[in-house]
Amino acid sequence: MTALHDKPVETVSPARIVVLGLVAFATMAVLSFLWWTFTPVLGRLYAALRLIESATLWRFTGWGRYFTGMPAGEPFAFVSIYQSSAVFGLVASLLTALIGYLAWRKRSRDHIDALIALPPKGFGQSEIRSRFVPADRLVRLPGEDQDTVRKPAPCPNTFAGVRDLLDVPAVEPVLESIPWHLAAALFLTIDAVAPVADRKAREAVLKAARTAADRQVGNPLTEPPETLLPTLHGYLLQAITDQNGRAIAVLKQVHKVFETKPDLASAVTELGAKALAAQRLHFPDYAWLRHVDPVLQSKITTY
């Protein structure tokens, strides 16, 4: 099989260009002769086409009044069809050029050839950091100390001290110390094991988590939106305590996980394993987590 880039480019000979030019000139000469000979009939057809393509607005122009006001059977001026077509041709040319520019711009920026092209300086460490953020948080580059890789601090399991996880007033204060990424991951894994009746809650949590993760990719030091934590904590409270339309036995299994795990990351991992066993674990739901806690994300997506 021959690769596309190895295929020789076919060149056009000057003789072919001359022949094509003569054919085009002869064609224009024949069409001009037909227009000059049958102008009373062709002029009517030309006017009808212009009215159709302009939604009858052409009749209000000077050339429109000329063609529509000519008495039947009278010939039209020879240059009339060329002069009246100049504006339409100019507009069509500009639109064609605009569409071509937009297509070229999309091809040069979004096409796979442009995305996978080797950078001018090669894939050095600086190029990896600049083009594949946050690679420095996912892999340890040569010569880089493992301690420089940023990892979220472990979060203890604050639910272990709650006697009844169905008690909303008892659970609500515990949520305040949970980071936003763990609150989102906990909701998603709990919802995968014991689905919440309100299915819009899952989409809201996914949207909030992805937005916050995208902001952190652009600037790791940026603060999450003020409304993010209250929103995620509210949905997490619903996932832990809401009994509406849910199997109580399955919800009790979720509570059992919180009673036995020392930290929230291990609780997320255990819930993810239970969701996988029930065939409810959707790995794309946790793609945003790699920008915040790649270790936890890898534990979820490598079952």
C-alpha atoms as a PDB file:
ATOM      1  CA  MET A   1       0.000   0.000   0.000  1.00  0.00           C
ATOM      2  CA  THR A   2       1.335   3.430  -0.934  1.00  0.00           C
ATOM      3  CA  ALA A   3       1.132   6.162   1.677  1.00  0.00           C
ATOM      4  CA  LEU A   4      -0.772   9.268   0.702  1.00  0.00           C
ATOM      5  CA  HIS A   5       2.193  11.564   1.224  1.00  0.00           C
ATOM      6  CA  ASP A   6       4.380   9.360  -1.029  1.00  0.00           C
ATOM      7  CA  LYS A   7       2.043   9.635  -4.012  1.00  0.00           C
ATOM      8  CA  PRO A   8       3.620  11.847  -6.711  1.00  0.00           C
ATOM      9  CA  VAL A   9       1.804  15.089  -7.430  1.00  0.00           C
ATOM     10  CA  GLU A  10       0.407  15.282 -10.933  1.00  0.00           C
ATOM     11  CA  THR A  11       1.411  18.476 -12.736  1.00  0.00           C
ATOM     12  CA  VAL A  12      -0.675  20.291 -15.348  1.00  0.00           C
ATOM     13  CA  SER A  13       1.075  21.034 -18.635  1.00  0.00           C
ATOM     14  CA  PRO A  14       0.920  24.576 -20.134  1.00  0.00           C
ATOM     15  CA  ALA A  15      -0.713  23.174 -23.273  1.00  0.00           C
ATOM     16  CA  ARG A  16      -3.652  21.884 -21.250  1.00  0.00           C
ATOM     17  CA  ILE A  17      -4.095  25.285 -19.650  1.00  0.00           C
ATOM     18  CA  VAL A  18      -4.115  26.971 -23.058  1.00  0.00           C
ATOM     19  CA  VAL A  19      -6.651  24.482 -24.396  1.00  0.00           C
ATOM     20  CA  LEU A  20      -8.930  24.975 -21.387  1.00  0.00           C
ATOM     21  CA  GLY A  21      -8.681  28.735 -21.837  1.00  0.00           C
ATOM     22  CA  LEU A  22      -9.668  28.467 -25.505  1.00  0.00           C
ATOM     23  CA  VAL A  23     -12.598  26.205 -24.634  1.00  0.00           C
ATOM     24  CA  ALA A  24     -13.795  28.660 -21.981  1.00  0.00           C
ATOM     25  CA  PHE A  25     -13.471  31.587 -24.418  1.00  0.00           C
ATOM     26  CA  ALA A  26     -15.370  29.686 -27.120  1.00  0.00           C
ATOM     27  CA  THR A  27     -18.102  28.782 -24.643  1.00  0.00           C
ATOM     28  CA  MET A  28     -18.525  32.436 -23.624  1.00  0.00           C
ATOM     29  CA  ALA A  29     -18.625  33.429 -27.306  1.00  0.00           C
ATOM     30  CA  VAL A  30     -21.381  30.905 -28.061  1.00  0.00           C
ATOM     31  CA  LEU A  31     -23.414  31.976 -25.012  1.00  0.00           C
ATOM     32  CA  SER A  32     -23.024  35.640 -26.004  1.00  0.00           C
ATOM     33  CA  PHE A  33     -24.203  34.849 -29.517  1.00  0.00           C
ATOM     34  CA  LEU A  34     -27.247  33.004 -28.147  1.00  0.00           C
ATOM     35  CA  TRP A  35     -28.033  35.970 -25.885  1.00  0.00           C
ATOM     36  CA  TRP A  36     -27.729  38.440 -28.757  1.00  0.00           C
ATOM     37  CA  THR A  37     -29.929  36.278 -31.001  1.00  0.00           C
ATOM     38  CA  PHE A  38     -32.673  35.208 -28.566  1.00  0.00           C
ATOM     39  CA  THR A  39     -32.563  38.134 -26.141  1.00  0.00           C
ATOM     40  CA  PRO A  40     -36.399  38.714 -26.085  1.00  0.00           C
ATOM     41  CA  VAL A  41     -36.959  35.160 -24.802  1.00  0.00           C
ATOM     42  CA  LEU A  42     -33.799  34.660 -22.722  1.00  0.00           C
ATOM     43  CA  GLY A  43     -34.273  38.061 -21.078  1.00  0.00           C
ATOM     44  CA  ARG A  44     -37.625  36.919 -19.664  1.00  0.00           C
ATOM     45  CA  LEU A  45     -36.090  33.702 -18.349  1.00  0.00           C
ATOM     46  CA  TYR A  46     -33.177  35.634 -16.868  1.00  0.00           C
ATOM     47  CA  ALA A  47     -35.561  38.042 -15.102  1.00  0.00           C
ATOM     48  CA  ALA A  48     -37.595  35.144 -13.699  1.00  0.00           C
ATOM     49  CA  LEU A  49     -34.486  33.468 -12.287  1.00  0.00           C
ATOM     50  CA  ARG A  50     -33.297  36.702 -10.667  1.00  0.00           C
ATOM     51  CA  LEU A  51     -36.716  37.256  -9.079  1.00  0.00           C
ATOM     52  CA  ILE A  52     -36.767  33.718  -7.693  1.00  0.00           C
ATOM     53  CA  GLU A  53     -33.253  33.821  -6.193  1.00  0.00           C
ATOM     54  CA  SER A  54     -33.829  37.261  -4.657  1.00  0.00           C
ATOM     55  CA  ALA A  55     -37.349  36.497  -3.363  1.00  0.00           C
ATOM     56  CA  THR A  56     -38.758  39.156  -5.810  1.00  0.00           C
ATOM     57  CA  LEU A  57     -36.609  41.903  -4.241  1.00  0.00           C
ATOM     58  CA  TRP A  58     -34.702  42.299  -7.514  1.00  0.00           C
ATOM     59  CA  ARG A  59     -37.717  44.026  -9.114  1.00  0.00           C
ATOM     60  CA  PHE A  60     -37.054  47.086  -6.918  1.00  0.00           C
ATOM     61  CA  THR A  61     -33.550  47.634  -8.351  1.00  0.00           C
ATOM     62  CA  GLY A  62     -32.799  49.606 -11.493  1.00  0.00           C
ATOM     63  CA  TRP A  63     -31.999  46.556 -13.589  1.00  0.00           C
ATOM     64  CA  GLY A  64     -34.977  44.742 -12.127  1.00  0.00           C
ATOM     65  CA  ARG A  65     -37.328  47.476 -13.306  1.00  0.00           C
ATOM     66  CA  TYR A  66     -35.590  47.442 -16.701  1.00  0.00           C
ATOM     67  CA  PHE A  67     -36.069  43.712 -17.293  1.00  0.00           C
ATOM     68  CA  THR A  68     -39.568  43.450 -15.837  1.00  0.00           C
ATOM     69  CA  GLY A  69     -40.784  46.612 -17.579  1.00  0.00           C
ATOM     70  CA  MET A  70     -39.621  45.742 -21.085  1.00  0.00           C
ATOM     71  CA  PRO A  71     -42.593  45.137 -23.440  1.00  0.00           C
ATOM     72  CA  ALA A  72     -43.037  41.567 -24.651  1.00  0.00           C
ATOM     73  CA  GLY A  73     -41.073  40.760 -27.793  1.00  0.00           C
ATOM     74  CA  GLU A  74     -38.693  43.716 -27.484  1.00  0.00           C
ATOM     75  CA  PRO A  75     -34.943  42.884 -27.429  1.00  0.00           C
ATOM     76  CA  PHE A  76     -32.806  43.741 -24.419  1.00  0.00           C
ATOM     77  CA  ALA A  77     -29.529  45.621 -24.611  1.00  0.00           C
ATOM     78  CA  PHE A  78     -26.610  43.266 -25.258  1.00  0.00           C
ATOM     79  CA  VAL A  79     -24.593  44.435 -22.216  1.00  0.00           C
ATOM     80  CA  SER A  80     -27.604  44.392 -19.897  1.00  0.00           C
ATOM     81  CA  ILE A  81     -27.152  40.788 -18.769  1.00  0.00           C
ATOM     82  CA  TYR A  82     -23.473  41.371 -17.983  1.00  0.00           C
ATOM     83  CA  GLN A  83     -23.940  44.636 -16.140  1.00  0.00           C
ATOM     84  CA  SER A  84     -26.929  43.399 -14.139  1.00  0.00           C
ATOM     85  CA  SER A  85     -25.032  40.267 -13.117  1.00  0.00           C
ATOM     86  CA  ALA A  86     -22.001  42.150 -11.793  1.00  0.00           C
ATOM     87  CA  VAL A  87     -23.455  42.741  -8.298  1.00  0.00           C
ATOM     88  CA  PHE A  88     -24.691  39.163  -7.952  1.00  0.00           C
ATOM     89  CA  GLY A  89     -21.356  37.833  -9.138  1.00  0.00           C
ATOM     90  CA  LEU A  90     -19.461  40.036  -6.689  1.00  0.00           C
ATOM     91  CA  VAL A  91     -21.628  38.962  -3.747  1.00  0.00           C
ATOM     92  CA  ALA A  92     -21.358  35.286  -4.728  1.00  0.00           C
ATOM     93  CA  SER A  93     -17.573  35.603  -5.037  1.00  0.00           C
ATOM     94  CA  LEU A  94     -17.293  37.197  -1.597  1.00  0.00           C
ATOM     95  CA  LEU A  95     -19.482  34.493  -0.039  1.00  0.00           C
ATOM     96  CA  THR A  96     -17.453  31.780  -1.750  1.00  0.00           C
ATOM     97  CA  ALA A  97     -14.221  33.357  -0.505  1.00  0.00           C
ATOM     98  CA  LEU A  98     -15.628  33.615   3.040  1.00  0.00           C
ATOM     99  CA  ILE A  99     -16.743  29.970   3.069  1.00  0.00           C
ATOM    100  CA  GLY A 100     -13.364  28.931   1.695  1.00  0.00           C
ATOM    101  CA  TYR A 101     -11.540  30.922   4.370  1.00  0.00           C
ATOM    102  CA  LEU A 102     -13.639  29.419   7.179  1.00  0.00           C
ATOM    103  CA  ALA A 103     -13.067  25.920   5.797  1.00  0.00           C
ATOM    104  CA  TRP A 104      -9.319  26.536   5.508  1.00  0.00           C
ATOM    105  CA  ARG A 105      -9.225  27.970   9.056  1.00  0.00           C
ATOM    106  CA  LYS A 106     -11.049  24.945  10.465  1.00  0.00           C
ATOM    107  CA  ARG A 107      -8.820  22.581   8.493  1.00  0.00           C
ATOM    108  CA  SER A 108      -5.615  24.252   9.683  1.00  0.00           C
ATOM    109  CA  ARG A 109      -6.677  24.327  13.365  1.00  0.00           C
ATOM    110  CA  ASP A 110      -9.045  21.438  14.065  1.00  0.00           C
ATOM    111  CA  HIS A 111      -8.041  18.756  11.559  1.00  0.00           C
ATOM    112  CA  ILE A 112      -6.278  15.733  13.006  1.00  0.00           C
ATOM    113  CA  ASP A 113      -3.194  16.450  10.878  1.00  0.00           C
ATOM    114  CA  ALA A 114      -2.809  19.794  12.638  1.00  0.00           C
ATOM    115  CA  LEU A 115      -3.501  18.366  16.089  1.00  0.00           C
ATOM    116  CA  ILE A 116      -0.936  15.560  15.889  1.00  0.00           C
ATOM    117  CA  ALA A 117       1.744  17.526  14.052  1.00  0.00           C
ATOM    118  CA  LEU A 118       5.158  17.438  15.703  1.00  0.00           C
ATOM    119  CA  PRO A 119       6.073  20.816  17.264  1.00  0.00           C
ATOM    120  CA  PRO A 120       9.015  22.647  15.634  1.00  0.00           C
ATOM    121  CA  LYS A 121      11.234  21.970  18.674  1.00  0.00           C
ATOM    122  CA  GLY A 122      10.078  18.399  19.177  1.00  0.00           C
ATOM    123  CA  PHE A 123       8.367  16.941  22.216  1.00  0.00           C
ATOM    124  CA  GLY A 124      10.687  18.246  24.913  1.00  0.00           C
ATOM    125  CA  GLN A 125       9.708  18.710  28.544  1.00  0.00           C
ATOM    126  CA  SER A 126       8.679  22.329  27.991  1.00  0.00           C
ATOM    127  CA  GLU A 127       6.492  21.341  25.032  1.00  0.00           C
ATOM    128  CA  ILE A 128       4.833  18.561  27.019  1.00  0.00           C
ATOM    129  CA  ARG A 129       4.081  20.934  29.900  1.00  0.00           C
ATOM    130  CA  SER A 130       2.715  23.670  27.630  1.00  0.00           C
ATOM    131  CA  ARG A 131       0.690  21.534  25.206  1.00  0.00           C
ATOM    132  CA  PHE A 132      -0.473  18.628  27.350  1.00  0.00           C
ATOM    133  CA  VAL A 133      -1.401  20.283  30.631  1.00  0.00           C
ATOM    134  CA  PRO A 134      -1.496  18.930  33.286  1.00  0.00           C
ATOM    135  CA  ALA A 135       1.123  16.322  32.305  1.00  0.00           C
ATOM    136  CA  ASP A 136       3.348  17.329  35.228  1.00  0.00           C
ATOM    137  CA  ARG A 137       0.619  16.158  37.600  1.00  0.00           C
ATOM    138  CA  LEU A 138       0.123  12.819  35.884  1.00  0.00           C
ATOM    139  CA  VAL A 139       3.659  11.595  35.153  1.00  0.00           C
ATOM    140  CA  ARG A 140       7.100  12.107  36.642  1.00  0.00           C
ATOM    141  CA  LEU A 141       9.362  13.507  33.952  1.00  0.00           C
ATOM    142  CA  PRO A 142      13.080  12.573  33.832  1.00  0.00           C
ATOM    143  CA  GLY A 143      15.038  14.542  36.407  1.00  0.00           C
ATOM    144  CA  GLU A 144      11.919  15.612  38.264  1.00  0.00           C
ATOM    145  CA  ASP A 145      11.466  14.894  41.950  1.00  0.00           C
ATOM    146  CA  GLN A 146       8.376  12.891  42.791  1.00  0.00           C
ATOM    147  CA  ASP A 147       7.572  15.379  45.562  1.00  0.00           C
ATOM    148  CA  THR A 148       7.012  18.123  43.001  1.00  0.00           C
ATOM    149  CA  VAL A 149       3.964  16.317  41.595  1.00  0.00           C
ATOM    150  CA  ARG A 150       0.966  18.019  43.156  1.00  0.00           C
ATOM    151  CA  LYS A 151      -1.415  15.764  45.027  1.00  0.00           C
ATOM    152  CA  PRO A 152      -4.496  16.736  47.048  1.00  0.00           C
ATOM    153  CA  ALA A 153      -4.170  16.219  50.788  1.00  0.00           C
ATOM    154  CA  PRO A 154      -5.983  13.113  52.109  1.00  0.00           C
ATOM    155  CA  CYS A 155      -9.448  13.835  53.477  1.00  0.00           C
ATOM    156  CA  PRO A 156     -10.530  11.807  56.538  1.00  0.00           C
ATOM    157  CA  ASN A 157     -13.875  10.074  56.546  1.00  0.00           C
ATOM    158  CA  THR A 158     -15.977  12.496  58.587  1.00  0.00           C
ATOM    159  CA  PHE A 159     -19.102  10.377  58.110  1.00  0.00           C
ATOM    160  CA  ALA A 160     -17.759   7.646  60.408  1.00  0.00           C
ATOM    161  CA  GLY A 161     -18.821   9.627  63.496  1.00  0.00           C
ATOM    162  CA  VAL A 162     -22.429  10.083  62.342  1.00  0.00           C
ATOM    163  CA  ARG A 163     -24.734   7.610  64.041  1.00  0.00           C
ATOM    164  CA  ASP A 164     -27.534   7.700  61.450  1.00  0.00           C
ATOM    165  CA  LEU A 165     -26.667   8.763  57.904  1.00  0.00           C
ATOM    166  CA  LEU A 166     -30.366   9.153  57.111  1.00  0.00           C
ATOM    167  CA  ASP A 167     -30.565  11.985  59.638  1.00  0.00           C
ATOM    168  CA  VAL A 168     -30.296  15.181  57.541  1.00  0.00           C
ATOM    169  CA  PRO A 169     -29.486  17.586  60.443  1.00  0.00           C
ATOM    170  CA  ALA A 170     -26.696  15.246  61.584  1.00  0.00           C
ATOM    171  CA  VAL A 171     -25.143  14.786  58.131  1.00  0.00           C
ATOM    172  CA  GLU A 172     -25.341  18.373  56.907  1.00  0.00           C
ATOM    173  CA  PRO A 173     -22.606  19.865  59.176  1.00  0.00           C
ATOM    174  CA  VAL A 174     -20.181  17.092  58.200  1.00  0.00           C
ATOM    175  CA  LEU A 175     -20.311  18.098  54.526  1.00  0.00           C
ATOM    176  CA  GLU A 176     -18.668  21.484  55.087  1.00  0.00           C
ATOM    177  CA  SER A 177     -15.150  19.995  55.352  1.00  0.00           C
ATOM    178  CA  ILE A 178     -15.371  17.922  52.136  1.00  0.00           C
ATOM    179  CA  PRO A 179     -13.443  19.336  49.110  1.00  0.00           C
ATOM    180  CA  TRP A 180     -15.474  19.945  45.990  1.00  0.00           C
ATOM    181  CA  HIS A 181     -13.839  17.194  43.898  1.00  0.00           C
ATOM    182  CA  LEU A 182     -14.507  14.544  46.544  1.00  0.00           C
ATOM    183  CA  ALA A 183     -18.083  15.767  46.979  1.00  0.00           C
ATOM    184  CA  ALA A 184     -18.655  15.367  43.233  1.00  0.00           C
ATOM    185  CA  ALA A 185     -16.928  11.965  43.076  1.00  0.00           C
ATOM    186  CA  LEU A 186     -18.887  10.728  46.099  1.00  0.00           C
ATOM    187  CA  PHE A 187     -22.197  11.805  44.581  1.00  0.00           C
ATOM    188  CA  LEU A 188     -21.431  10.111  41.261  1.00  0.00           C
ATOM    189  CA  THR A 189     -20.353   6.822  42.832  1.00  0.00           C
ATOM    190  CA  ILE A 190     -23.252   6.813  45.320  1.00  0.00           C
ATOM    191  CA  ASP A 191     -25.686   7.569  42.498  1.00  0.00           C
ATOM    192  CA  ALA A 192     -24.168   4.713  40.490  1.00  0.00           C
ATOM    193  CA  VAL A 193     -24.766   2.260  43.337  1.00  0.00           C
ATOM    194  CA  ALA A 194     -28.098   3.619  44.620  1.00  0.00           C
ATOM    195  CA  PRO A 195     -29.496   5.940  41.911  1.00  0.00           C
ATOM    196  CA  VAL A 196     -31.152   9.163  43.097  1.00  0.00           C
ATOM    197  CA  ALA A 197     -34.749   9.616  41.948  1.00  0.00           C
ATOM    198  CA  ASP A 198     -34.011  13.089  40.558  1.00  0.00           C
ATOM    199  CA  ARG A 199     -31.968  12.268  37.414  1.00  0.00           C
ATOM    200  CA  LYS A 200     -31.273  15.941  36.741  1.00  0.00           C
ATOM    201  CA  ALA A 201     -29.056  15.996  39.835  1.00  0.00           C
ATOM    202  CA  ARG A 202     -26.429  13.811  38.162  1.00  0.00           C
ATOM    203  CA  GLU A 203     -26.208  16.083  35.128  1.00  0.00           C
ATOM    204  CA  ALA A 204     -25.924  19.143  37.372  1.00  0.00           C
ATOM    205  CA  VAL A 205     -23.065  17.587  39.365  1.00  0.00           C
ATOM    206  CA  LEU A 206     -21.226  16.530  36.192  1.00  0.00           C
ATOM    207  CA  LYS A 207     -21.557  19.996  34.687  1.00  0.00           C
ATOM    208  CA  ALA A 208     -20.326  21.716  37.865  1.00  0.00           C
ATOM    209  CA  ALA A 209     -17.379  19.339  38.287  1.00  0.00           C
ATOM    210  CA  ARG A 210     -16.260  19.619  34.661  1.00  0.00           C
ATOM    211  CA  THR A 211     -16.480  23.421  34.757  1.00  0.00           C
ATOM    212  CA  ALA A 212     -14.441  23.625  37.962  1.00  0.00           C
ATOM    213  CA  ALA A 213     -11.837  21.169  36.617  1.00  0.00           C
ATOM    214  CA  ASP A 214     -11.479  23.171  33.389  1.00  0.00           C
ATOM    215  CA  ARG A 215     -10.851  26.319  35.418  1.00  0.00           C
ATOM    216  CA  GLN A 216      -8.173  24.543  37.416  1.00  0.00           C
ATOM    217  CA  VAL A 217      -6.457  23.284  34.269  1.00  0.00           C
ATOM    218  CA  GLY A 218      -6.097  26.874  33.035  1.00  0.00           C
ATOM    219  CA  ASN A 219      -4.742  28.039  36.409  1.00  0.00           C
ATOM    220  CA  PRO A 220      -4.095  25.479  39.173  1.00  0.00           C
ATOM    221  CA  LEU A 221      -4.155  28.246  41.793  1.00  0.00           C
ATOM    222  CA  THR A 222      -7.581  29.560  40.816  1.00  0.00           C
ATOM    223  CA  GLU A 223     -10.328  29.384  43.381  1.00  0.00           C
ATOM    224  CA  PRO A 224     -13.518  27.455  42.549  1.00  0.00           C
ATOM    225  CA  PRO A 225     -16.756  29.456  42.146  1.00  0.00           C
ATOM    226  CA  GLU A 226     -18.402  30.444  45.426  1.00  0.00           C
ATOM    227  CA  THR A 227     -21.567  28.571  44.515  1.00  0.00           C
ATOM    228  CA  LEU A 228     -19.728  25.327  43.687  1.00  0.00           C
ATOM    229  CA  LEU A 229     -19.317  23.877  47.189  1.00  0.00           C
ATOM    230  CA  PRO A 230     -22.882  24.639  48.393  1.00  0.00           C
ATOM    231  CA  THR A 231     -24.249  23.126  45.176  1.00  0.00           C
ATOM    232  CA  LEU A 232     -22.211  19.924  45.391  1.00  0.00           C
ATOM    233  CA  HIS A 233     -22.753  19.574  49.136  1.00  0.00           C
ATOM    234  CA  GLY A 234     -26.493  19.899  48.611  1.00  0.00           C
ATOM    235  CA  TYR A 235     -26.555  17.145  46.003  1.00  0.00           C
ATOM    236  CA  LEU A 236     -24.276  14.941  48.137  1.00  0.00           C
ATOM    237  CA  LEU A 237     -26.639  15.378  51.083  1.00  0.00           C
ATOM    238  CA  GLN A 238     -29.488  14.267  48.832  1.00  0.00           C
ATOM    239  CA  ALA A 239     -27.506  11.224  47.657  1.00  0.00           C
ATOM    240  CA  ILE A 240     -26.769  10.100  51.234  1.00  0.00           C
ATOM    241  CA  THR A 241     -30.088  10.795  52.968  1.00  0.00           C
ATOM    242  CA  ASP A 242     -32.853  10.807  50.336  1.00  0.00           C
ATOM    243  CA  GLN A 243     -34.974   7.619  50.448  1.00  0.00           C
ATOM    244  CA  ASN A 244     -37.496   8.606  47.777  1.00  0.00           C
ATOM    245  CA  GLY A 245     -37.731   5.894  45.089  1.00  0.00           C
ATOM    246  CA  ARG A 246     -34.583   4.084  46.280  1.00  0.00           C
ATOM    247  CA  ALA A 247     -34.008   0.591  47.646  1.00  0.00           C
ATOM    248  CA  ILE A 248     -33.275   1.001  51.359  1.00  0.00           C
ATOM    249  CA  ALA A 249     -31.137  -2.139  51.423  1.00  0.00           C
ATOM    250  CA  VAL A 250     -28.848  -0.752  48.711  1.00  0.00           C
ATOM    251  CA  LEU A 251     -28.676   2.619  50.441  1.00  0.00           C
ATOM    252  CA  LYS A 252     -27.661   0.841  53.645  1.00  0.00           C
ATOM    253  CA  GLN A 253     -24.773  -0.737  51.716  1.00  0.00           C
ATOM    254  CA  VAL A 254     -23.598   2.763  50.835  1.00  0.00           C
ATOM    255  CA  HIS A 255     -23.776   3.786  54.491  1.00  0.00           C
ATOM    256  CA  LYS A 256     -21.819   0.648  55.427  1.00  0.00           C
ATOM    257  CA  VAL A 257     -18.958   1.834  53.215  1.00  0.00           C
ATOM    258  CA  PHE A 258     -18.779   5.120  55.141  1.00  0.00           C
ATOM    259  CA  GLU A 259     -18.713   3.228  58.417  1.00  0.00           C
ATOM    260  CA  THR A 260     -15.690   1.112  57.471  1.00  0.00           C
ATOM    261  CA  LYS A 261     -13.406   3.321  55.361  1.00  0.00           C
ATOM    262  CA  PRO A 262     -10.769   5.563  56.998  1.00  0.00           C
ATOM    263  CA  ASP A 263     -10.835   8.302  54.346  1.00  0.00           C
ATOM    264  CA  LEU A 264     -13.163   9.547  51.638  1.00  0.00           C
ATOM    265  CA  ALA A 265     -10.881   8.584  48.742  1.00  0.00           C
ATOM    266  CA  SER A 266     -11.042   4.923  49.751  1.00  0.00           C
ATOM    267  CA  ALA A 267     -14.819   5.278  50.134  1.00  0.00           C
ATOM    268  CA  VAL A 268     -15.027   6.538  46.541  1.00  0.00           C
ATOM    269  CA  THR A 269     -12.897   3.591  45.403  1.00  0.00           C
ATOM    270  CA  GLU A 270     -15.089   1.064  47.232  1.00  0.00           C
ATOM    271  CA  LEU A 271     -18.287   2.619  45.873  1.00  0.00           C
ATOM    272  CA  GLY A 272     -16.793   2.562  42.376  1.00  0.00           C
ATOM    273  CA  ALA A 273     -16.102  -1.150  42.716  1.00  0.00           C
ATOM    274  CA  LYS A 274     -19.706  -1.772  43.793  1.00  0.00           C
ATOM    275  CA  ALA A 275     -20.997   0.279  40.859  1.00  0.00           C
ATOM    276  CA  LEU A 276     -18.812  -1.712  38.476  1.00  0.00           C
ATOM    277  CA  ALA A 277     -20.200  -4.980  39.831  1.00  0.00           C
ATOM    278  CA  ALA A 278     -23.708  -3.653  39.171  1.00  0.00           C
ATOM    279  CA  GLN A 279     -22.622  -2.500  35.664  1.00  0.00           C
ATOM    280  CA  ARG A 280     -23.467   1.113  36.466  1.00  0.00           C
ATOM    281  CA  LEU A 281     -19.973   2.609  36.415  1.00  0.00           C
ATOM    282  CA  HIS A 282     -19.566   5.056  33.510  1.00  0.00           C
ATOM    283  CA  PHE A 283     -15.863   5.800  33.196  1.00  0.00           C
ATOM    284  CA  PRO A 284     -16.251   9.059  31.158  1.00  0.00           C
ATOM    285  CA  ASP A 285     -18.066  10.574  34.145  1.00  0.00           C
ATOM    286  CA  TYR A 286     -14.736  10.687  35.997  1.00  0.00           C
ATOM    287  CA  ALA A 287     -12.478  12.063  33.241  1.00  0.00           C
ATOM    288  CA  TRP A 288     -12.523  15.537  34.830  1.00  0.00           C
ATOM    289  CA  LEU A 289     -11.044  14.073  38.030  1.00  0.00           C
ATOM    290  CA  ARG A 290      -7.615  13.520  36.478  1.00  0.00           C
ATOM    291  CA  HIS A 291      -7.032  17.292  36.444  1.00  0.00           C
ATOM    292  CA  VAL A 292      -7.567  17.440  40.209  1.00  0.00           C
ATOM    293  CA  ASP A 293      -6.692  14.034  41.700  1.00  0.00           C
ATOM    294  CA  PRO A 294      -5.150  11.730  39.060  1.00  0.00           C
ATOM    295  CA  VAL A 295      -4.386   9.035  41.625  1.00  0.00           C
ATOM    296  CA  LEU A 296      -8.037   8.707  42.628  1.00  0.00           C
ATOM    297  CA  GLN A 297      -9.166   8.897  39.016  1.00  0.00           C
ATOM    298  CA  SER A 298      -6.786   6.096  38.045  1.00  0.00           C
ATOM    299  CA  LYS A 299      -8.163   3.892  40.826  1.00  0.00           C
ATOM    300  CA  ILE A 300     -11.690   4.345  39.501  1.00  0.00           C
ATOM    301  CA  THR A 301     -10.867   3.800  35.827  1.00  0.00           C
ATOM    302  CA  THR A 302      -8.536   0.797  36.135  1.00  0.00           C
ATOM    303  CA  TYR A 303     -10.975  -1.772  37.506  1.00  0.00           C
END
